[in-house]
PDB file of all heavy atoms in Angstrom:
ATOM      1  N   GLY A   1       0.777  -1.234   0.000  1.00  0.00           N
ATOM      2  CA  GLY A   1       0.000   0.000   0.000  1.00  0.00           C
ATOM      3  C   GLY A   1       0.806   1.280   0.000  1.00  0.00           C
ATOM      4  O   GLY A   1       0.235   2.381  -0.081  1.00  0.00           O
ATOM      5  N   GLY A   2       2.129   1.162   0.109  1.00  0.00           N
ATOM      6  CA  GLY A   2       2.947   2.370   0.078  1.00  0.00           C
ATOM      7  C   GLY A   2       2.961   2.984  -1.312  1.00  0.00           C
ATOM      8  O   GLY A   2       2.464   2.414  -2.278  1.00  0.00           O
ATOM      9  N   GLY A   3       3.545   4.178  -1.401  1.00  0.00           N
ATOM     10  CA  GLY A   3       3.632   4.842  -2.689  1.00  0.00           C
ATOM     11  C   GLY A   3       3.943   6.311  -2.540  1.00  0.00           C
ATOM     12  O   GLY A   3       4.349   6.770  -1.462  1.00  0.00           O
ATOM     13  N   LEU A   4       3.737   7.037  -3.628  1.00  0.00           N
ATOM     14  CA  LEU A   4       3.985   8.475  -3.685  1.00  0.00           C
ATOM     15  C   LEU A   4       2.649   9.207  -3.667  1.00  0.00           C
ATOM     16  O   LEU A   4       1.742   8.873  -4.438  1.00  0.00           O
ATOM     17  CB  LEU A   4       4.755   8.816  -4.956  1.00  0.00           C
ATOM     18  CG  LEU A   4       4.967  10.301  -5.264  1.00  0.00           C
ATOM     19  CD1 LEU A   4       5.833  10.953  -4.194  1.00  0.00           C
ATOM     20  CD2 LEU A   4       5.578  10.469  -6.644  1.00  0.00           C
ATOM     21  N   VAL A   5       2.540  10.190  -2.793  1.00  0.00           N
ATOM     22  CA  VAL A   5       1.296  10.950  -2.668  1.00  0.00           C
ATOM     23  C   VAL A   5       1.646  12.410  -2.398  1.00  0.00           C
ATOM     24  O   VAL A   5       2.699  12.707  -1.825  1.00  0.00           O
ATOM     25  CB  VAL A   5       0.413  10.358  -1.545  1.00  0.00           C
ATOM     26  CG1 VAL A   5       1.088  10.495  -0.195  1.00  0.00           C
ATOM     27  CG2 VAL A   5      -0.973  10.964  -1.540  1.00  0.00           C
ATOM     28  N   HIS A   6       0.776  13.287  -2.841  1.00  0.00           N
ATOM     29  CA  HIS A   6       0.974  14.715  -2.574  1.00  0.00           C
ATOM     30  C   HIS A   6       0.580  15.054  -1.146  1.00  0.00           C
ATOM     31  O   HIS A   6      -0.239  14.349  -0.529  1.00  0.00           O
ATOM     32  CB  HIS A   6       0.136  15.555  -3.540  1.00  0.00           C
ATOM     33  CG  HIS A   6       0.629  15.502  -4.951  1.00  0.00           C
ATOM     34  ND1 HIS A   6       1.893  15.919  -5.328  1.00  0.00           N
ATOM     35  CD2 HIS A   6       0.026  15.080  -6.089  1.00  0.00           C
ATOM     36  CE1 HIS A   6       2.033  15.741  -6.627  1.00  0.00           C
ATOM     37  NE2 HIS A   6       0.925  15.228  -7.114  1.00  0.00           N
ATOM     38  N   SER A   7       1.164  16.117  -0.633  1.00  0.00           N
ATOM     39  CA  SER A   7       0.819  16.596   0.698  1.00  0.00           C
ATOM     40  C   SER A   7      -0.691  16.814   0.796  1.00  0.00           C
ATOM     41  O   SER A   7      -1.312  17.380  -0.106  1.00  0.00           O
ATOM     42  CB  SER A   7       1.551  17.909   0.970  1.00  0.00           C
ATOM     43  OG  SER A   7       1.270  18.392   2.249  1.00  0.00           O
ATOM     44  N   GLY A   8      -1.261  16.331   1.898  1.00  0.00           N
ATOM     45  CA  GLY A   8      -2.701  16.401   2.104  1.00  0.00           C
ATOM     46  C   GLY A   8      -3.451  15.180   1.634  1.00  0.00           C
ATOM     47  O   GLY A   8      -4.647  15.036   1.917  1.00  0.00           O
ATOM     48  N   GLY A   9      -2.775  14.298   0.939  1.00  0.00           N
ATOM     49  CA  GLY A   9      -3.405  13.091   0.426  1.00  0.00           C
ATOM     50  C   GLY A   9      -3.490  11.987   1.453  1.00  0.00           C
ATOM     51  O   GLY A   9      -3.140  12.163   2.625  1.00  0.00           O
ATOM     52  N   SER A  10      -3.962  10.827   0.992  1.00  0.00           N
ATOM     53  CA  SER A  10      -4.182   9.680   1.872  1.00  0.00           C
ATOM     54  C   SER A  10      -3.574   8.423   1.269  1.00  0.00           C
ATOM     55  O   SER A  10      -3.467   8.291   0.045  1.00  0.00           O
ATOM     56  CB  SER A  10      -5.682   9.451   2.088  1.00  0.00           C
ATOM     57  OG  SER A  10      -6.290  10.559   2.706  1.00  0.00           O
ATOM     58  N   LEU A  11      -3.208   7.516   2.145  1.00  0.00           N
ATOM     59  CA  LEU A  11      -2.780   6.169   1.758  1.00  0.00           C
ATOM     60  C   LEU A  11      -3.283   5.206   2.821  1.00  0.00           C
ATOM     61  O   LEU A  11      -3.451   5.582   3.984  1.00  0.00           O
ATOM     62  CB  LEU A  11      -1.257   6.057   1.667  1.00  0.00           C
ATOM     63  CG  LEU A  11      -0.548   6.615   0.446  1.00  0.00           C
ATOM     64  CD1 LEU A  11       0.965   6.518   0.649  1.00  0.00           C
ATOM     65  CD2 LEU A  11      -0.962   5.892  -0.820  1.00  0.00           C
ATOM     66  N   ARG A  12      -3.473   3.966   2.405  1.00  0.00           N
ATOM     67  CA  ARG A  12      -3.838   2.911   3.352  1.00  0.00           C
ATOM     68  C   ARG A  12      -2.818   1.787   3.225  1.00  0.00           C
ATOM     69  O   ARG A  12      -2.699   1.163   2.163  1.00  0.00           O
ATOM     70  CB  ARG A  12      -5.245   2.386   3.076  1.00  0.00           C
ATOM     71  CG  ARG A  12      -5.712   1.361   4.102  1.00  0.00           C
ATOM     72  CD  ARG A  12      -7.156   0.943   3.838  1.00  0.00           C
ATOM     73  NE  ARG A  12      -7.642  -0.025   4.804  1.00  0.00           N
ATOM     74  CZ  ARG A  12      -8.176   0.296   5.970  1.00  0.00           C
ATOM     75  NH1 ARG A  12      -8.306   1.574   6.308  1.00  0.00           N
ATOM     76  NH2 ARG A  12      -8.606  -0.652   6.795  1.00  0.00           N
ATOM     77  N   LEU A  13      -2.098   1.540   4.306  1.00  0.00           N
ATOM     78  CA  LEU A  13      -1.141   0.449   4.355  1.00  0.00           C
ATOM     79  C   LEU A  13      -1.815  -0.792   4.922  1.00  0.00           C
ATOM     80  O   LEU A  13      -2.658  -0.691   5.815  1.00  0.00           O
ATOM     81  CB  LEU A  13       0.054   0.821   5.224  1.00  0.00           C
ATOM     82  CG  LEU A  13       0.799   2.103   4.876  1.00  0.00           C
ATOM     83  CD1 LEU A  13       1.989   2.279   5.816  1.00  0.00           C
ATOM     84  CD2 LEU A  13       1.244   2.095   3.431  1.00  0.00           C
ATOM     85  N   SER A  14      -1.406  -1.937   4.405  1.00  0.00           N
ATOM     86  CA  SER A  14      -1.896  -3.209   4.928  1.00  0.00           C
ATOM     87  C   SER A  14      -0.715  -4.121   5.210  1.00  0.00           C
ATOM     88  O   SER A  14       0.329  -4.020   4.567  1.00  0.00           O
ATOM     89  CB  SER A  14      -2.837  -3.882   3.916  1.00  0.00           C
ATOM     90  OG  SER A  14      -4.028  -3.154   3.782  1.00  0.00           O
ATOM     91  N   CYS A  15      -0.915  -4.993   6.176  1.00  0.00           N
ATOM     92  CA  CYS A  15       0.108  -5.981   6.537  1.00  0.00           C
ATOM     93  C   CYS A  15      -0.585  -7.321   6.683  1.00  0.00           C
ATOM     94  O   CYS A  15      -1.481  -7.471   7.522  1.00  0.00           O
ATOM     95  CB  CYS A  15       0.784  -5.573   7.831  1.00  0.00           C
ATOM     96  SG  CYS A  15       1.922  -6.783   8.510  1.00  0.00           S
ATOM     97  N   ALA A  16      -0.168  -8.275   5.873  1.00  0.00           N
ATOM     98  CA  ALA A  16      -0.724  -9.624   5.916  1.00  0.00           C
ATOM     99  C   ALA A  16       0.205 -10.521   6.709  1.00  0.00           C
ATOM    100  O   ALA A  16       1.399 -10.602   6.401  1.00  0.00           O
ATOM    101  CB  ALA A  16      -0.903 -10.159   4.503  1.00  0.00           C
ATOM    102  N   ALA A  17      -0.351 -11.165   7.725  1.00  0.00           N
ATOM    103  CA  ALA A  17       0.443 -11.988   8.627  1.00  0.00           C
ATOM    104  C   ALA A  17       0.170 -13.464   8.406  1.00  0.00           C
ATOM    105  O   ALA A  17      -0.968 -13.862   8.109  1.00  0.00           O
ATOM    106  CB  ALA A  17       0.138 -11.619  10.075  1.00  0.00           C
ATOM    107  N   SER A  18       1.192 -14.283   8.592  1.00  0.00           N
ATOM    108  CA  SER A  18       1.040 -15.729   8.503  1.00  0.00           C
ATOM    109  C   SER A  18       2.144 -16.391   9.296  1.00  0.00           C
ATOM    110  O   SER A  18       3.180 -15.786   9.581  1.00  0.00           O
ATOM    111  CB  SER A  18       1.065 -16.188   7.041  1.00  0.00           C
ATOM    112  OG  SER A  18       2.283 -15.855   6.433  1.00  0.00           O
ATOM    113  N   GLY A  19       1.893 -17.641   9.680  1.00  0.00           N
ATOM    114  CA  GLY A  19       2.920 -18.422  10.361  1.00  0.00           C
ATOM    115  C   GLY A  19       2.932 -18.307  11.871  1.00  0.00           C
ATOM    116  O   GLY A  19       3.802 -18.900  12.521  1.00  0.00           O
ATOM    117  N   PHE A  20       1.986 -17.545  12.431  1.00  0.00           N
ATOM    118  CA  PHE A  20       1.875 -17.455  13.883  1.00  0.00           C
ATOM    119  C   PHE A  20       0.422 -17.120  14.208  1.00  0.00           C
ATOM    120  O   PHE A  20      -0.372 -16.799  13.324  1.00  0.00           O
ATOM    121  CB  PHE A  20       2.824 -16.397  14.458  1.00  0.00           C
ATOM    122  CG  PHE A  20       2.566 -14.985  14.001  1.00  0.00           C
ATOM    123  CD1 PHE A  20       1.876 -14.082  14.785  1.00  0.00           C
ATOM    124  CD2 PHE A  20       3.040 -14.560  12.755  1.00  0.00           C
ATOM    125  CE1 PHE A  20       1.647 -12.782  14.361  1.00  0.00           C
ATOM    126  CE2 PHE A  20       2.822 -13.251  12.325  1.00  0.00           C
ATOM    127  CZ  PHE A  20       2.125 -12.363  13.122  1.00  0.00           C
ATOM    128  N   THR A  21       0.079 -17.219  15.486  1.00  0.00           N
ATOM    129  CA  THR A  21      -1.305 -16.982  15.905  1.00  0.00           C
ATOM    130  C   THR A  21      -1.537 -15.486  16.027  1.00  0.00           C
ATOM    131  O   THR A  21      -1.372 -14.880  17.096  1.00  0.00           O
ATOM    132  CB  THR A  21      -1.604 -17.693  17.230  1.00  0.00           C
ATOM    133  OG1 THR A  21      -1.225 -19.071  17.124  1.00  0.00           O
ATOM    134  CG2 THR A  21      -3.107 -17.619  17.540  1.00  0.00           C
ATOM    135  N   PHE A  22      -1.943 -14.899  14.919  1.00  0.00           N
ATOM    136  CA  PHE A  22      -2.054 -13.453  14.801  1.00  0.00           C
ATOM    137  C   PHE A  22      -2.922 -12.843  15.897  1.00  0.00           C
ATOM    138  O   PHE A  22      -2.577 -11.802  16.451  1.00  0.00           O
ATOM    139  CB  PHE A  22      -2.645 -13.139  13.424  1.00  0.00           C
ATOM    140  CG  PHE A  22      -2.862 -11.688  13.146  1.00  0.00           C
ATOM    141  CD1 PHE A  22      -1.812 -10.875  12.767  1.00  0.00           C
ATOM    142  CD2 PHE A  22      -4.139 -11.126  13.247  1.00  0.00           C
ATOM    143  CE1 PHE A  22      -2.013  -9.539  12.496  1.00  0.00           C
ATOM    144  CE2 PHE A  22      -4.348  -9.787  12.984  1.00  0.00           C
ATOM    145  CZ  PHE A  22      -3.283  -8.989  12.598  1.00  0.00           C
ATOM    146  N   SER A  23      -4.009 -13.483  16.237  1.00  0.00           N
ATOM    147  CA  SER A  23      -4.981 -12.893  17.161  1.00  0.00           C
ATOM    148  C   SER A  23      -4.457 -12.752  18.584  1.00  0.00           C
ATOM    149  O   SER A  23      -5.085 -12.093  19.417  1.00  0.00           O
ATOM    150  CB  SER A  23      -6.267 -13.714  17.166  1.00  0.00           C
ATOM    151  OG  SER A  23      -6.000 -15.025  17.614  1.00  0.00           O
ATOM    152  N   LEU A  24      -3.313 -13.341  18.876  1.00  0.00           N
ATOM    153  CA  LEU A  24      -2.727 -13.258  20.214  1.00  0.00           C
ATOM    154  C   LEU A  24      -1.684 -12.144  20.327  1.00  0.00           C
ATOM    155  O   LEU A  24      -1.205 -11.854  21.422  1.00  0.00           O
ATOM    156  CB  LEU A  24      -2.062 -14.582  20.595  1.00  0.00           C
ATOM    157  CG  LEU A  24      -2.986 -15.792  20.714  1.00  0.00           C
ATOM    158  CD1 LEU A  24      -2.178 -17.026  21.104  1.00  0.00           C
ATOM    159  CD2 LEU A  24      -4.113 -15.541  21.711  1.00  0.00           C
ATOM    160  N   TYR A  25      -1.357 -11.541  19.203  1.00  0.00           N
ATOM    161  CA  TYR A  25      -0.244 -10.591  19.166  1.00  0.00           C
ATOM    162  C   TYR A  25      -0.717  -9.146  19.134  1.00  0.00           C
ATOM    163  O   TYR A  25      -1.658  -8.801  18.408  1.00  0.00           O
ATOM    164  CB  TYR A  25       0.630 -10.850  17.942  1.00  0.00           C
ATOM    165  CG  TYR A  25       1.584 -12.000  18.116  1.00  0.00           C
ATOM    166  CD1 TYR A  25       1.109 -13.303  18.214  1.00  0.00           C
ATOM    167  CD2 TYR A  25       2.953 -11.788  18.190  1.00  0.00           C
ATOM    168  CE1 TYR A  25       1.987 -14.367  18.395  1.00  0.00           C
ATOM    169  CE2 TYR A  25       3.836 -12.834  18.358  1.00  0.00           C
ATOM    170  CZ  TYR A  25       3.341 -14.120  18.466  1.00  0.00           C
ATOM    171  OH  TYR A  25       4.209 -15.168  18.646  1.00  0.00           O
ATOM    172  N   THR A  26      -0.027  -8.310  19.909  1.00  0.00           N
ATOM    173  CA  THR A  26      -0.146  -6.871  19.741  1.00  0.00           C
ATOM    174  C   THR A  26       0.548  -6.500  18.423  1.00  0.00           C
ATOM    175  O   THR A  26       1.639  -6.996  18.136  1.00  0.00           O
ATOM    176  CB  THR A  26       0.518  -6.125  20.900  1.00  0.00           C
ATOM    177  OG1 THR A  26      -0.223  -6.388  22.091  1.00  0.00           O
ATOM    178  CG2 THR A  26       0.561  -4.631  20.651  1.00  0.00           C
TER     179      THR A  26
END
């Protein structure tokens, strides 16, 4: 989700997790 954006703009980053019990982690 990263990229180049002008000042005042928006971006949404996402992180996909695997290989561990995600729901237990901060």
